[in-house]
PDB file of N, CA and C in Angstrom:
ATOM      1  N   MET A   1       0.839  -1.183   0.000  1.00  0.00           N
ATOM      2  CA  MET A   1       0.000   0.000   0.000  1.00  0.00           C
ATOM      3  C   MET A   1       0.884   1.246   0.000  1.00  0.00           C
ATOM      4  N   ALA A   2       0.432   2.260  -0.687  1.00  0.00           N
ATOM      5  CA  ALA A   2       1.202   3.488  -0.834  1.00  0.00           C
ATOM      6  C   ALA A   2       0.738   4.550   0.146  1.00  0.00           C
ATOM      7  N   ASP A   3       1.674   5.086   0.902  1.00  0.00           N
ATOM      8  CA  ASP A   3       1.378   6.198   1.797  1.00  0.00           C
ATOM      9  C   ASP A   3       1.857   7.481   1.129  1.00  0.00           C
ATOM     10  N   ILE A   4       1.293   7.736  -0.058  1.00  0.00           N
ATOM     11  CA  ILE A   4       1.647   8.897  -0.873  1.00  0.00           C
ATOM     12  C   ILE A   4       0.367   9.504  -1.419  1.00  0.00           C
ATOM     13  N   SER A   5       0.470  10.715  -1.944  1.00  0.00           N
ATOM     14  CA  SER A   5      -0.644  11.287  -2.703  1.00  0.00           C
ATOM     15  C   SER A   5      -0.586  10.677  -4.084  1.00  0.00           C
ATOM     16  N   LYS A   6      -1.669  10.023  -4.485  1.00  0.00           N
ATOM     17  CA  LYS A   6      -1.725   9.399  -5.794  1.00  0.00           C
ATOM     18  C   LYS A   6      -2.286  10.371  -6.823  1.00  0.00           C
ATOM     19  N   CYS A   7      -2.102  10.009  -8.069  1.00  0.00           N
ATOM     20  CA  CYS A   7      -2.604  10.796  -9.190  1.00  0.00           C
ATOM     21  C   CYS A   7      -3.602   9.948  -9.960  1.00  0.00           C
ATOM     22  N   LYS A   8      -4.712  10.559 -10.362  1.00  0.00           N
ATOM     23  CA  LYS A   8      -5.709   9.832 -11.152  1.00  0.00           C
ATOM     24  C   LYS A   8      -5.282   9.689 -12.605  1.00  0.00           C
ATOM     25  N   GLY A   9      -4.313  10.465 -13.050  1.00  0.00           N
ATOM     26  CA  GLY A   9      -3.714  10.297 -14.371  1.00  0.00           C
ATOM     27  C   GLY A   9      -4.569  10.689 -15.552  1.00  0.00           C
ATOM     28  N   THR A  10      -5.645  11.382 -15.338  1.00  0.00           N
ATOM     29  CA  THR A  10      -6.556  11.751 -16.421  1.00  0.00           C
ATOM     30  C   THR A  10      -5.814  12.510 -17.521  1.00  0.00           C
ATOM     31  N   GLY A  11      -5.758  11.915 -18.704  1.00  0.00           N
ATOM     32  CA  GLY A  11      -5.131  12.547 -19.857  1.00  0.00           C
ATOM     33  C   GLY A  11      -3.614  12.515 -19.878  1.00  0.00           C
ATOM     34  N   CYS A  12      -2.986  11.944 -18.890  1.00  0.00           N
ATOM     35  CA  CYS A  12      -1.522  11.936 -18.809  1.00  0.00           C
ATOM     36  C   CYS A  12      -0.937  10.843 -19.699  1.00  0.00           C
ATOM     37  N   PRO A  13      -0.024  11.197 -20.604  1.00  0.00           N
ATOM     38  CA  PRO A  13       0.542  10.205 -21.510  1.00  0.00           C
ATOM     39  C   PRO A  13       1.585   9.286 -20.866  1.00  0.00           C
ATOM     40  N   VAL A  14       2.067   9.599 -19.670  1.00  0.00           N
ATOM     41  CA  VAL A  14       3.085   8.767 -19.011  1.00  0.00           C
ATOM     42  C   VAL A  14       2.582   8.147 -17.709  1.00  0.00           C
ATOM     43  N   LYS A  15       1.283   8.126 -17.500  1.00  0.00           N
ATOM     44  CA  LYS A  15       0.737   7.636 -16.237  1.00  0.00           C
ATOM     45  C   LYS A  15       1.091   6.184 -15.943  1.00  0.00           C
ATOM     46  N   LYS A  16       1.201   5.352 -16.955  1.00  0.00           N
ATOM     47  CA  LYS A  16       1.500   3.935 -16.724  1.00  0.00           C
ATOM     48  C   LYS A  16       2.953   3.703 -16.319  1.00  0.00           C
ATOM     49  N   GLN A  17       3.794   4.718 -16.449  1.00  0.00           N
ATOM     50  CA  GLN A  17       5.182   4.635 -15.993  1.00  0.00           C
ATOM     51  C   GLN A  17       5.380   5.372 -14.667  1.00  0.00           C
ATOM     52  N   CYS A  18       4.319   5.938 -14.107  1.00  0.00           N
ATOM     53  CA  CYS A  18       4.419   6.762 -12.902  1.00  0.00           C
ATOM     54  C   CYS A  18       3.900   6.009 -11.675  1.00  0.00           C
ATOM     55  N   TYR A  19       4.721   5.969 -10.642  1.00  0.00           N
ATOM     56  CA  TYR A  19       4.355   5.273  -9.413  1.00  0.00           C
ATOM     57  C   TYR A  19       3.137   5.907  -8.748  1.00  0.00           C
ATOM     58  N   ARG A  20       2.973   7.204  -8.878  1.00  0.00           N
ATOM     59  CA  ARG A  20       1.824   7.876  -8.254  1.00  0.00           C
ATOM     60  C   ARG A  20       0.500   7.437  -8.881  1.00  0.00           C
ATOM     61  N   TYR A  21       0.548   6.888 -10.073  1.00  0.00           N
ATOM     62  CA  TYR A  21      -0.651   6.345 -10.726  1.00  0.00           C
ATOM     63  C   TYR A  21      -0.777   4.835 -10.509  1.00  0.00           C
ATOM     64  N   THR A  22       0.338   4.118 -10.575  1.00  0.00           N
ATOM     65  CA  THR A  22       0.300   2.657 -10.559  1.00  0.00           C
ATOM     66  C   THR A  22       0.339   2.033  -9.162  1.00  0.00           C
ATOM     67  N   ALA A  23       0.703   2.803  -8.149  1.00  0.00           N
ATOM     68  CA  ALA A  23       0.810   2.251  -6.790  1.00  0.00           C
ATOM     69  C   ALA A  23      -0.546   1.747  -6.291  1.00  0.00           C
ATOM     70  N   LYS A  24      -0.506   0.685  -5.497  1.00  0.00           N
ATOM     71  CA  LYS A  24      -1.721   0.132  -4.906  1.00  0.00           C
ATOM     72  C   LYS A  24      -2.284   1.116  -3.874  1.00  0.00           C
ATOM     73  N   GLU A  25      -3.594   1.272  -3.884  1.00  0.00           N
ATOM     74  CA  GLU A  25      -4.251   2.201  -2.954  1.00  0.00           C
ATOM     75  C   GLU A  25      -4.199   1.695  -1.522  1.00  0.00           C
ATOM     76  N   SER A  26      -4.138   2.645  -0.584  1.00  0.00           N
ATOM     77  CA  SER A  26      -4.313   2.298   0.824  1.00  0.00           C
ATOM     78  C   SER A  26      -5.784   2.521   1.171  1.00  0.00           C
ATOM     79  N   SER A  27      -6.191   2.143   2.363  1.00  0.00           N
ATOM     80  CA  SER A  27      -7.596   2.265   2.739  1.00  0.00           C
ATOM     81  C   SER A  27      -8.040   3.726   2.871  1.00  0.00           C
ATOM     82  N   LEU A  28      -7.137   4.599   3.208  1.00  0.00           N
ATOM     83  CA  LEU A  28      -7.445   6.034   3.320  1.00  0.00           C
ATOM     84  C   LEU A  28      -6.578   6.809   2.335  1.00  0.00           C
ATOM     85  N   GLN A  29      -6.722   6.505   1.057  1.00  0.00           N
ATOM     86  CA  GLN A  29      -5.854   7.065   0.038  1.00  0.00           C
ATOM     87  C   GLN A  29      -6.174   8.524  -0.260  1.00  0.00           C
ATOM     88  N   SER A  30      -5.123   9.341  -0.393  1.00  0.00           N
ATOM     89  CA  SER A  30      -5.303  10.734  -0.825  1.00  0.00           C
ATOM     90  C   SER A  30      -4.884  10.846  -2.291  1.00  0.00           C
ATOM     91  N   TYR A  31      -5.529  11.759  -2.999  1.00  0.00           N
ATOM     92  CA  TYR A  31      -5.253  12.015  -4.407  1.00  0.00           C
ATOM     93  C   TYR A  31      -5.034  13.506  -4.602  1.00  0.00           C
ATOM     94  N   PHE A  32      -4.277  13.859  -5.643  1.00  0.00           N
ATOM     95  CA  PHE A  32      -4.154  15.263  -6.017  1.00  0.00           C
ATOM     96  C   PHE A  32      -5.531  15.760  -6.444  1.00  0.00           C
ATOM     97  N   ALA A  33      -5.851  16.996  -6.116  1.00  0.00           N
ATOM     98  CA  ALA A  33      -7.143  17.571  -6.523  1.00  0.00           C
ATOM     99  C   ALA A  33      -7.214  17.710  -8.039  1.00  0.00           C
ATOM    100  N   ASN A  34      -6.094  18.057  -8.657  1.00  0.00           N
ATOM    101  CA  ASN A  34      -6.002  18.194 -10.113  1.00  0.00           C
ATOM    102  C   ASN A  34      -4.800  17.394 -10.604  1.00  0.00           C
ATOM    103  N   VAL A  35      -4.886  16.893 -11.814  1.00  0.00           N
ATOM    104  CA  VAL A  35      -3.740  16.200 -12.398  1.00  0.00           C
ATOM    105  C   VAL A  35      -2.615  17.221 -12.537  1.00  0.00           C
ATOM    106  N   PRO A  36      -1.410  16.935 -11.991  1.00  0.00           N
ATOM    107  CA  PRO A  36      -0.365  17.953 -11.896  1.00  0.00           C
ATOM    108  C   PRO A  36       0.486  18.172 -13.152  1.00  0.00           C
ATOM    109  N   PHE A  37       0.222  17.497 -14.261  1.00  0.00           N
ATOM    110  CA  PHE A  37       1.051  17.709 -15.448  1.00  0.00           C
ATOM    111  C   PHE A  37       0.411  18.744 -16.359  1.00  0.00           C
ATOM    112  N   TYR A  38       1.236  19.331 -17.215  1.00  0.00           N
ATOM    113  CA  TYR A  38       0.708  20.202 -18.256  1.00  0.00           C
ATOM    114  C   TYR A  38       1.543  20.047 -19.517  1.00  0.00           C
ATOM    115  N   VAL A  39       0.926  20.292 -20.651  1.00  0.00           N
ATOM    116  CA  VAL A  39       1.617  20.210 -21.926  1.00  0.00           C
ATOM    117  C   VAL A  39       2.459  21.462 -22.083  1.00  0.00           C
ATOM    118  N   ASN A  40       3.747  21.245 -22.264  1.00  0.00           N
ATOM    119  CA  ASN A  40       4.695  22.348 -22.395  1.00  0.00           C
ATOM    120  C   ASN A  40       4.823  22.782 -23.853  1.00  0.00           C
ATOM    121  N   GLU A  41       4.807  21.808 -24.751  1.00  0.00           N
ATOM    122  CA  GLU A  41       5.033  22.106 -26.163  1.00  0.00           C
ATOM    123  C   GLU A  41       4.458  20.978 -27.010  1.00  0.00           C
ATOM    124  N   THR A  42       3.921  21.313 -28.179  1.00  0.00           N
ATOM    125  CA  THR A  42       3.407  20.320 -29.111  1.00  0.00           C
ATOM    126  C   THR A  42       4.036  20.559 -30.480  1.00  0.00           C
ATOM    127  N   LYS A  43       4.594  19.495 -31.060  1.00  0.00           N
ATOM    128  CA  LYS A  43       5.160  19.571 -32.419  1.00  0.00           C
ATOM    129  C   LYS A  43       4.674  18.353 -33.183  1.00  0.00           C
ATOM    130  N   GLY A  44       3.714  18.540 -34.067  1.00  0.00           N
ATOM    131  CA  GLY A  44       3.161  17.423 -34.819  1.00  0.00           C
ATOM    132  C   GLY A  44       2.500  16.428 -33.884  1.00  0.00           C
ATOM    133  N   ASP A  45       2.960  15.175 -33.926  1.00  0.00           N
ATOM    134  CA  ASP A  45       2.376  14.152 -33.053  1.00  0.00           C
ATOM    135  C   ASP A  45       3.187  13.964 -31.767  1.00  0.00           C
ATOM    136  N   LYS A  46       4.178  14.813 -31.544  1.00  0.00           N
ATOM    137  CA  LYS A  46       4.995  14.716 -30.331  1.00  0.00           C
ATOM    138  C   LYS A  46       4.634  15.826 -29.357  1.00  0.00           C
ATOM    139  N   ILE A  47       4.577  15.475 -28.079  1.00  0.00           N
ATOM    140  CA  ILE A  47       4.315  16.483 -27.062  1.00  0.00           C
ATOM    141  C   ILE A  47       5.409  16.433 -26.009  1.00  0.00           C
ATOM    142  N   LYS A  48       5.651  17.554 -25.381  1.00  0.00           N
ATOM    143  CA  LYS A  48       6.561  17.632 -24.246  1.00  0.00           C
ATOM    144  C   LYS A  48       5.730  18.082 -23.062  1.00  0.00           C
ATOM    145  N   ILE A  49       5.865  17.376 -21.944  1.00  0.00           N
ATOM    146  CA  ILE A  49       5.080  17.712 -20.767  1.00  0.00           C
ATOM    147  C   ILE A  49       5.990  18.026 -19.592  1.00  0.00           C
ATOM    148  N   ASP A  50       5.438  18.700 -18.618  1.00  0.00           N
ATOM    149  CA  ASP A  50       6.113  18.978 -17.350  1.00  0.00           C
ATOM    150  C   ASP A  50       5.224  18.479 -16.226  1.00  0.00           C
ATOM    151  N   CYS A  51       5.829  17.829 -15.242  1.00  0.00           N
ATOM    152  CA  CYS A  51       5.097  17.388 -14.066  1.00  0.00           C
ATOM    153  C   CYS A  51       6.078  17.268 -12.904  1.00  0.00           C
ATOM    154  N   GLY A  52       5.929  18.116 -11.926  1.00  0.00           N
ATOM    155  CA  GLY A  52       6.801  18.090 -10.762  1.00  0.00           C
ATOM    156  C   GLY A  52       6.512  16.940  -9.821  1.00  0.00           C
ATOM    157  N   MET A  53       5.439  16.203 -10.063  1.00  0.00           N
ATOM    158  CA  MET A  53       5.047  15.112  -9.175  1.00  0.00           C
ATOM    159  C   MET A  53       5.328  13.731  -9.758  1.00  0.00           C
ATOM    160  N   TYR A  54       5.876  13.672 -10.978  1.00  0.00           N
ATOM    161  CA  TYR A  54       6.176  12.392 -11.625  1.00  0.00           C
ATOM    162  C   TYR A  54       7.145  11.581 -10.768  1.00  0.00           C
ATOM    163  N   TRP A  55       6.849  10.298 -10.610  1.00  0.00           N
ATOM    164  CA  TRP A  55       7.683   9.397  -9.822  1.00  0.00           C
ATOM    165  C   TRP A  55       7.890   8.142 -10.657  1.00  0.00           C
ATOM    166  N   GLY A  56       8.963   8.117 -11.432  1.00  0.00           N
ATOM    167  CA  GLY A  56       9.245   7.001 -12.321  1.00  0.00           C
ATOM    168  C   GLY A  56       9.765   5.779 -11.589  1.00  0.00           C
ATOM    169  N   LYS A  57       9.986   4.717 -12.338  1.00  0.00           N
ATOM    170  CA  LYS A  57      10.439   3.456 -11.754  1.00  0.00           C
ATOM    171  C   LYS A  57      11.753   3.608 -10.998  1.00  0.00           C
ATOM    172  N   ASN A  58      12.615   4.489 -11.461  1.00  0.00           N
ATOM    173  CA  ASN A  58      13.889   4.739 -10.786  1.00  0.00           C
ATOM    174  C   ASN A  58      13.844   6.032  -9.974  1.00  0.00           C
ATOM    175  N   LYS A  59      12.636   6.473  -9.657  1.00  0.00           N
ATOM    176  CA  LYS A  59      12.369   7.675  -8.875  1.00  0.00           C
ATOM    177  C   LYS A  59      12.911   8.950  -9.524  1.00  0.00           C
ATOM    178  N   GLU A  60      13.062   8.929 -10.850  1.00  0.00           N
ATOM    179  CA  GLU A  60      13.539  10.120 -11.531  1.00  0.00           C
ATOM    180  C   GLU A  60      12.398  11.115 -11.706  1.00  0.00           C
ATOM    181  N   GLN A  61      12.729  12.345 -11.765  1.00  0.00           N
ATOM    182  CA  GLN A  61      11.742  13.387 -12.028  1.00  0.00           C
ATOM    183  C   GLN A  61      11.507  13.458 -13.528  1.00  0.00           C
ATOM    184  N   ILE A  62      10.333  13.830 -13.911  1.00  0.00           N
ATOM    185  CA  ILE A  62      10.016  13.913 -15.328  1.00  0.00           C
ATOM    186  C   ILE A  62      10.866  14.973 -16.023  1.00  0.00           C
ATOM    187  N   PHE A  63      11.372  15.937 -15.267  1.00  0.00           N
ATOM    188  CA  PHE A  63      12.203  16.973 -15.868  1.00  0.00           C
ATOM    189  C   PHE A  63      13.478  16.393 -16.478  1.00  0.00           C
ATOM    190  N   SER A  64      13.947  15.262 -15.964  1.00  0.00           N
ATOM    191  CA  SER A  64      15.131  14.643 -16.546  1.00  0.00           C
ATOM    192  C   SER A  64      14.790  13.851 -17.807  1.00  0.00           C
ATOM    193  N   LEU A  65      13.517  13.592 -18.038  1.00  0.00           N
ATOM    194  CA  LEU A  65      13.088  12.841 -19.209  1.00  0.00           C
ATOM    195  C   LEU A  65      12.587  13.724 -20.338  1.00  0.00           C
ATOM    196  N   PHE A  66      12.079  14.890 -20.006  1.00  0.00           N
ATOM    197  CA  PHE A  66      11.508  15.806 -20.971  1.00  0.00           C
ATOM    198  C   PHE A  66      12.120  17.189 -20.795  1.00  0.00           C
ATOM    199  N   HIS A  67      12.141  17.949 -21.851  1.00  0.00           N
ATOM    200  CA  HIS A  67      12.682  19.302 -21.818  1.00  0.00           C
ATOM    201  C   HIS A  67      11.786  20.217 -20.982  1.00  0.00           C
ATOM    202  N   LYS A  68      12.383  21.053 -20.170  1.00  0.00           N
ATOM    203  CA  LYS A  68      11.634  22.028 -19.376  1.00  0.00           C
ATOM    204  C   LYS A  68      12.119  23.427 -19.734  1.00  0.00           C
ATOM    205  N   LYS A  69      11.186  24.295 -20.094  1.00  0.00           N
ATOM    206  CA  LYS A  69      11.546  25.683 -20.387  1.00  0.00           C
ATOM    207  C   LYS A  69      11.858  26.409 -19.091  1.00  0.00           C
ATOM    208  N   PRO A  70      12.855  27.273 -19.082  1.00  0.00           N
ATOM    209  CA  PRO A  70      13.183  28.014 -17.857  1.00  0.00           C
ATOM    210  C   PRO A  70      12.049  28.964 -17.450  1.00  0.00           C
ATOM    211  N   ILE A  71      11.884  29.133 -16.161  1.00  0.00           N
ATOM    212  CA  ILE A  71      10.884  30.062 -15.639  1.00  0.00           C
ATOM    213  C   ILE A  71      11.519  31.448 -15.563  1.00  0.00           C
ATOM    214  N   ASN A  72      10.843  32.435 -16.140  1.00  0.00           N
ATOM    215  CA  ASN A  72      11.378  33.804 -16.127  1.00  0.00           C
ATOM    216  C   ASN A  72      10.974  34.540 -14.884  1.00  0.00           C
TER     217      ASN A  72
END
């Protein structure tokens, strides 16, 4: 059981690789109020997303997998 805030993954293209989506629910599970990812850029059929809550199999942040534009 996961003692973390889970994500419902609605519309997320990487949800099946994210522990916050795939982890087994606990009896008193908490979820994010909104899906925390957003589309950063779209080019043809490719998209780049940002999500500060992504938890991959090796616990990497999604920022290391996808390009992130600097915040001004």
